[in-house]
Amino acid sequence: MSANNPVAFRPLHESHAIEQVVISVHFANVLPEEVLRAGAASMLQFKKELGGQQDITGVNLSLGPGGVAPMVLPSFQGQARFATDNAGVLLKELRLEAQAIVFRSQRYTRWNALWKEAGKYLEALLACAGDAQIASLNLQYTDKFLWQSSPGSCRSDLLLRRDSPFVAPRIFDAGDLWHCHSGRFERLNDAVQRLEIVDLDCIDEGPEQPGTEPTRAVLITTSVSDRFNRPGYHAVDFPARQALAGINEVFNNLHTQVKSVFSQIITDEISDSIGMNDVDVE
């Protein structure tokens, strides 16, 4: 916010705008039931910090030449462990799913601290997965910015770069809510295909009190994935049991790329307000 623009966006938190971070490992095939049960047993060691527990159930469908058909899944499809605050709001969750390990946190501080925690969970579950081949590694951030005046006066150009390659120009003239999606594949090298996805959503939240206006907000979801054994790429052997040494470097690189993409979306003023240019920000 500046003297020339007394009304502007503020980040969700005092020092950053991050609402949620999701770190995930996806496997090429459905994990056997014995692997899922071993992983669930291993997750018991995190009971103190992730006190909530819920088995994963549901029906998965696949779309093929013959139409929609149920996927063949084990009778036990995984487990989630989670932590909530006193009001029951989710703080963080670790999920072992039929074809993925997913950790998400809504209490972000710094990347190094988050990765230290997530890495501990991944290490335990990847050890259980053994020879299961890893298909992709994904990092996703969702940032939220709140407009500080009436919804109808919202100016997206005070948050988003007009010349950003990730922002559709027409949203700057939108008088109502809007959504913008972009995505692209990049050949990182002969073995790795990178996928970048950006979703921008202008939404109204609330109102908190009857008779008052809702709060207009813009969500920026930035996702970067490294994908392996894709058509046209060199085949690689990437079993879970050998992934522990390599995923630290991959996820740090994904984090760097997410920051790079995000910096191309928001204005310099917003970037300065959340310390994106500070050397010690992780």
Protein backbone atom coordinates (compact mmCIF):
# COMPACT_ATOMS: atom_id res chain seq x y z
CA MET A 1 0.00 0.00 0.00
CA SER A 2 1.32 3.45 -0.90
CA ALA A 3 0.30 7.07 -0.56
CA ASN A 4 -0.87 7.03 -4.18
CA ASN A 5 -2.93 3.87 -3.61
CA PRO A 6 -4.47 4.19 -0.13
CA VAL A 7 -6.72 1.21 -0.80
CA ALA A 8 -4.99 -2.03 -1.73
CA PHE A 9 -4.61 -5.72 -0.95
CA ARG A 10 -3.13 -7.12 2.23
CA PRO A 11 -1.61 -10.59 2.57
CA LEU A 12 -3.42 -13.25 4.58
CA HIS A 13 -0.76 -13.15 7.32
CA GLU A 14 1.43 -10.38 8.63
CA SER A 15 4.62 -11.62 6.99
CA HIS A 16 3.33 -13.73 4.09
CA ALA A 17 0.20 -14.63 2.13
CA ILE A 18 0.53 -18.43 2.16
CA GLU A 19 -2.73 -20.19 3.02
CA GLN A 20 -1.61 -23.74 2.26
CA VAL A 21 1.36 -25.74 1.00
CA VAL A 22 0.99 -29.24 -0.46
CA ILE A 23 3.93 -31.61 -0.97
CA SER A 24 3.16 -34.85 -2.77
CA VAL A 25 4.79 -37.96 -4.20
CA HIS A 26 2.82 -39.87 -6.85
CA PHE A 27 3.43 -43.48 -7.84
CA ALA A 28 3.18 -45.06 -11.27
CA ASN A 29 0.82 -47.77 -10.03
CA VAL A 30 -1.60 -48.47 -7.18
CA LEU A 31 0.28 -49.55 -4.07
CA PRO A 32 -0.38 -53.11 -2.83
CA GLU A 33 -2.56 -53.43 0.26
CA GLU A 34 0.35 -54.78 2.33
CA VAL A 35 2.35 -51.62 1.54
CA LEU A 36 -0.56 -49.39 2.54
CA ARG A 37 -1.04 -51.25 5.81
CA ALA A 38 2.68 -51.12 6.56
CA GLY A 39 2.67 -47.40 5.85
CA ALA A 40 -0.33 -46.85 8.13
CA ALA A 41 1.46 -48.74 10.90
CA SER A 42 4.55 -46.59 10.37
CA MET A 43 2.45 -43.42 10.64
CA LEU A 44 1.63 -44.33 14.26
CA GLN A 45 5.04 -42.92 15.24
CA PHE A 46 3.63 -39.47 14.41
CA LYS A 47 0.58 -39.87 16.65
CA LYS A 48 1.74 -37.20 19.11
CA GLU A 49 1.93 -34.44 16.46
CA LEU A 50 -0.79 -35.82 14.16
CA GLY A 51 -3.38 -37.01 16.64
CA GLY A 52 -6.33 -37.37 14.28
CA GLN A 53 -6.74 -40.53 12.20
CA GLN A 54 -9.10 -41.53 9.40
CA ASP A 55 -9.05 -44.46 6.99
CA ILE A 56 -9.43 -43.52 3.32
CA THR A 57 -12.41 -45.00 1.51
CA GLY A 58 -14.21 -44.30 -1.74
CA VAL A 59 -14.73 -45.42 -5.31
CA ASN A 60 -12.22 -44.50 -8.01
CA LEU A 61 -13.18 -44.46 -11.67
CA SER A 62 -11.02 -44.62 -14.79
CA LEU A 63 -11.97 -43.40 -18.25
CA GLY A 64 -10.85 -45.60 -21.12
CA PRO A 65 -11.93 -46.69 -24.62
CA GLY A 66 -14.76 -48.69 -23.12
CA GLY A 67 -16.07 -45.77 -21.08
CA VAL A 68 -16.04 -45.25 -17.32
CA ALA A 69 -15.03 -48.24 -15.25
CA PRO A 70 -14.14 -48.76 -11.59
CA MET A 71 -10.41 -48.93 -10.82
CA VAL A 72 -9.20 -52.09 -9.11
CA LEU A 73 -8.18 -50.86 -5.67
CA PRO A 74 -7.15 -52.68 -2.51
CA SER A 75 -9.83 -53.09 0.17
CA PHE A 76 -7.72 -50.84 2.41
CA GLN A 77 -7.04 -47.65 0.43
CA GLY A 78 -4.81 -45.79 2.85
CA GLN A 79 -4.96 -43.59 5.89
CA ALA A 80 -4.81 -39.93 6.88
CA ARG A 81 -3.32 -38.50 10.06
CA PHE A 82 -3.98 -34.87 10.90
CA ALA A 83 -3.80 -32.09 13.49
CA THR A 84 -6.44 -29.43 14.20
CA ASP A 85 -6.64 -26.39 16.44
CA ASN A 86 -9.06 -26.03 19.37
CA ALA A 87 -11.81 -24.92 16.99
CA GLY A 88 -11.39 -28.02 14.83
CA VAL A 89 -9.71 -26.16 11.95
CA LEU A 90 -7.21 -28.32 10.08
CA LEU A 91 -3.58 -27.32 10.63
CA LYS A 92 -1.75 -30.10 8.79
CA GLU A 93 -2.44 -33.49 7.30
CA LEU A 94 -0.42 -36.50 6.15
CA ARG A 95 -2.15 -38.86 3.72
CA LEU A 96 -1.04 -42.24 2.44
CA GLU A 97 -3.29 -42.88 -0.54
CA ALA A 98 -3.58 -45.77 -2.96
CA GLN A 99 -1.22 -44.05 -5.41
CA ALA A 100 0.31 -41.11 -3.53
CA ILE A 101 1.82 -39.67 -0.36
CA VAL A 102 0.48 -36.19 0.38
CA PHE A 103 1.43 -33.72 3.12
CA ARG A 104 -0.30 -30.39 3.44
CA SER A 105 0.16 -27.62 5.97
CA GLN A 106 -1.81 -24.48 6.72
CA ARG A 107 0.73 -23.21 9.25
CA TYR A 108 3.62 -22.12 7.02
CA THR A 109 6.62 -20.35 8.54
CA ARG A 110 9.67 -20.91 6.36
CA TRP A 111 10.47 -23.45 3.64
CA ASN A 112 13.39 -25.03 5.54
CA ALA A 113 11.19 -25.69 8.57
CA LEU A 114 8.36 -27.08 6.46
CA TRP A 115 10.63 -29.34 4.45
CA LYS A 116 12.32 -30.65 7.61
CA GLU A 117 8.93 -31.80 8.86
CA ALA A 118 7.65 -33.09 5.51
CA GLY A 119 10.93 -34.88 4.78
CA LYS A 120 10.59 -36.82 8.03
CA TYR A 121 7.15 -38.08 7.01
CA LEU A 122 8.18 -38.90 3.45
CA GLU A 123 11.24 -40.81 4.63
CA ALA A 124 9.11 -43.11 6.77
CA LEU A 125 6.50 -43.81 4.10
CA LEU A 126 8.86 -44.13 1.14
CA ALA A 127 10.76 -46.80 3.09
CA CYS A 128 7.50 -48.78 3.28
CA ALA A 129 6.82 -48.35 -0.45
CA GLY A 130 9.97 -50.28 -1.39
CA ASP A 131 10.21 -50.90 -5.15
CA ALA A 132 7.14 -48.84 -6.09
CA GLN A 133 8.13 -46.56 -8.97
CA ILE A 134 7.75 -42.82 -8.48
CA ALA A 135 5.87 -41.11 -11.33
CA SER A 136 6.04 -37.48 -10.18
CA LEU A 137 6.97 -35.09 -7.38
CA ASN A 138 4.78 -32.05 -6.82
CA LEU A 139 4.91 -28.82 -4.80
CA GLN A 140 1.91 -26.50 -4.60
CA TYR A 141 1.44 -23.16 -2.84
CA THR A 142 -1.83 -21.27 -2.37
CA ASP A 143 -1.46 -17.59 -1.47
CA LYS A 144 -4.37 -15.38 -0.44
CA PHE A 145 -4.66 -11.59 -0.64
CA LEU A 146 -7.59 -9.65 0.84
CA TRP A 147 -9.00 -6.49 -0.72
CA GLN A 148 -9.31 -3.69 1.84
CA SER A 149 -12.46 -1.96 0.60
CA SER A 150 -15.85 -2.75 -0.95
CA PRO A 151 -15.87 -5.66 -3.42
CA GLY A 152 -17.02 -3.48 -6.30
CA SER A 153 -13.95 -1.24 -6.06
CA CYS A 154 -11.45 -4.11 -6.28
CA ARG A 155 -8.52 -3.39 -8.61
CA SER A 156 -6.62 -6.50 -9.65
CA ASP A 157 -3.78 -4.42 -11.08
CA LEU A 158 -2.78 -3.43 -7.54
CA LEU A 159 -1.92 -7.10 -6.95
CA LEU A 160 -1.17 -8.69 -10.33
CA ARG A 161 1.28 -7.66 -13.04
CA ARG A 162 -0.47 -6.53 -16.21
CA ASP A 163 2.39 -7.96 -18.27
CA SER A 164 2.55 -11.31 -16.46
CA PRO A 165 2.60 -14.33 -18.81
CA PHE A 166 0.41 -16.15 -16.26
CA VAL A 167 -2.42 -13.57 -16.11
CA ALA A 168 -5.13 -13.19 -18.76
CA PRO A 169 -5.41 -9.46 -19.64
CA ARG A 170 -9.21 -9.49 -19.67
CA ILE A 171 -9.41 -10.02 -15.88
CA PHE A 172 -8.24 -6.44 -15.29
CA ASP A 173 -11.49 -5.15 -16.81
CA ALA A 174 -13.72 -7.63 -15.01
CA GLY A 175 -16.32 -5.92 -12.85
CA ASP A 176 -17.26 -9.13 -11.07
CA LEU A 177 -15.60 -12.35 -9.91
CA TRP A 178 -13.24 -14.15 -12.28
CA HIS A 179 -10.97 -17.16 -12.74
CA CYS A 180 -7.78 -17.55 -14.76
CA HIS A 181 -5.89 -20.79 -15.49
CA SER A 182 -2.63 -21.39 -17.28
CA GLY A 183 -0.34 -24.36 -17.59
CA ARG A 184 2.58 -25.59 -19.63
CA PHE A 185 4.95 -28.53 -19.98
CA GLU A 186 8.70 -27.98 -20.16
CA ARG A 187 11.43 -30.43 -21.11
CA LEU A 188 13.72 -30.02 -18.11
CA ASN A 189 16.12 -32.62 -19.48
CA ASP A 190 15.89 -35.91 -21.40
CA ALA A 191 14.51 -37.72 -18.35
CA VAL A 192 12.29 -35.13 -16.65
CA GLN A 193 9.16 -33.37 -17.88
CA ARG A 194 8.16 -30.36 -15.77
CA LEU A 195 4.56 -29.18 -15.46
CA GLU A 196 3.75 -25.67 -14.24
CA ILE A 197 0.15 -24.75 -13.38
CA VAL A 198 -1.16 -21.40 -12.14
CA ASP A 199 -4.75 -20.84 -11.03
CA LEU A 200 -5.99 -17.36 -10.10
CA ASP A 201 -9.38 -17.00 -8.42
CA CYS A 202 -11.19 -13.81 -7.43
CA ILE A 203 -13.74 -14.78 -4.77
CA ASP A 204 -16.02 -13.25 -2.14
CA GLU A 205 -15.88 -14.55 1.44
CA GLY A 206 -18.42 -13.94 4.17
CA PRO A 207 -19.97 -11.64 5.11
CA GLU A 208 -19.00 -12.22 8.75
CA GLN A 209 -21.92 -10.13 10.05
CA PRO A 210 -25.47 -9.98 8.62
CA GLY A 211 -26.02 -6.85 6.56
CA THR A 212 -22.32 -6.29 5.86
CA GLU A 213 -20.41 -6.73 2.62
CA PRO A 214 -18.35 -9.83 1.88
CA THR A 215 -14.57 -9.65 1.71
CA ARG A 216 -13.15 -9.86 -1.79
CA ALA A 217 -10.02 -11.98 -2.06
CA VAL A 218 -7.67 -13.26 -4.74
CA LEU A 219 -6.21 -16.76 -4.44
CA ILE A 220 -3.01 -17.58 -6.33
CA THR A 221 -2.28 -21.31 -6.58
CA THR A 222 1.12 -22.14 -8.03
CA SER A 223 2.00 -25.78 -8.73
CA VAL A 224 5.21 -27.24 -10.15
CA SER A 225 5.70 -30.97 -10.81
CA ASP A 226 8.60 -33.03 -12.10
CA ARG A 227 7.33 -36.08 -13.99
CA PHE A 228 9.30 -39.20 -14.87
CA ASN A 229 9.07 -41.92 -17.54
CA ARG A 230 6.88 -39.82 -19.81
CA PRO A 231 6.44 -40.68 -23.53
CA GLY A 232 9.38 -39.32 -25.53
CA TYR A 233 11.68 -39.16 -22.50
CA HIS A 234 14.45 -41.48 -21.36
CA ALA A 235 13.28 -44.21 -19.02
CA VAL A 236 14.57 -43.97 -15.44
CA ASP A 237 14.47 -46.41 -12.55
CA PHE A 238 13.10 -44.41 -9.61
CA PRO A 239 11.95 -46.79 -6.86
CA ALA A 240 10.71 -45.34 -3.58
CA ARG A 241 13.44 -47.03 -1.55
CA GLN A 242 16.13 -45.18 -3.54
CA ALA A 243 14.29 -41.85 -3.66
CA LEU A 244 15.25 -40.54 -0.24
CA ALA A 245 18.65 -39.26 -1.35
CA GLY A 246 17.28 -37.50 -4.44
CA ILE A 247 14.00 -35.93 -3.42
CA ASN A 248 15.61 -33.35 -1.14
CA GLU A 249 17.33 -31.73 -4.11
CA VAL A 250 14.25 -32.07 -6.34
CA PHE A 251 11.90 -30.42 -3.86
CA ASN A 252 14.33 -27.60 -3.17
CA ASN A 253 14.47 -26.99 -6.93
CA LEU A 254 10.67 -27.09 -7.13
CA HIS A 255 10.50 -24.53 -4.32
CA THR A 256 12.87 -22.23 -6.19
CA GLN A 257 10.76 -22.53 -9.34
CA VAL A 258 7.49 -21.88 -7.49
CA LYS A 259 9.00 -18.66 -6.09
CA SER A 260 10.18 -17.67 -9.57
CA VAL A 261 6.73 -18.18 -11.09
CA PHE A 262 5.00 -16.40 -8.21
CA SER A 263 7.32 -13.39 -8.53
CA GLN A 264 6.22 -13.07 -12.17
CA ILE A 265 2.57 -12.83 -11.11
CA ILE A 266 2.49 -10.24 -8.32
CA THR A 267 3.53 -6.58 -8.51
CA ASP A 268 6.81 -5.28 -7.12
CA GLU A 269 4.97 -3.46 -4.35
CA ILE A 270 3.18 -6.62 -3.21
CA SER A 271 6.43 -8.56 -3.50
CA ASP A 272 8.15 -6.09 -1.19
CA SER A 273 5.26 -6.22 1.29
CA ILE A 274 5.72 -9.97 1.86
CA GLY A 275 9.52 -9.94 1.78
CA MET A 276 9.93 -11.89 -1.45
CA ASN A 277 13.15 -10.04 -2.18
CA ASP A 278 14.69 -10.52 1.28
CA VAL A 279 17.80 -12.67 1.16
CA ASP A 280 16.84 -14.62 4.28
CA VAL A 281 13.32 -15.52 3.11
CA GLU A 282 13.02 -19.26 2.44
